[in-house]
Amino acid sequence: MSDRWKTAAQCGAMAAAALMLLYGVSRGEVGVVFTKAVNICLECIGLG
């Protein structure tokens, strides 16, 4: 694969990832993920 195609594929993947990230933020998924992360962390430590 030439460098030009590799660079184009990387840019496309980065753009797709950014769009998915923005879509998740617009749906309010940040709070859901944060809540789950806190619960998992507290369970591992043994405080929850």
Foldseek 3Di string as FASTA:
>chain_A
DDPVVVVVVVVVVVVVVVVVVVVCVVVVCVVVVVVVVVVVVCVVVVND
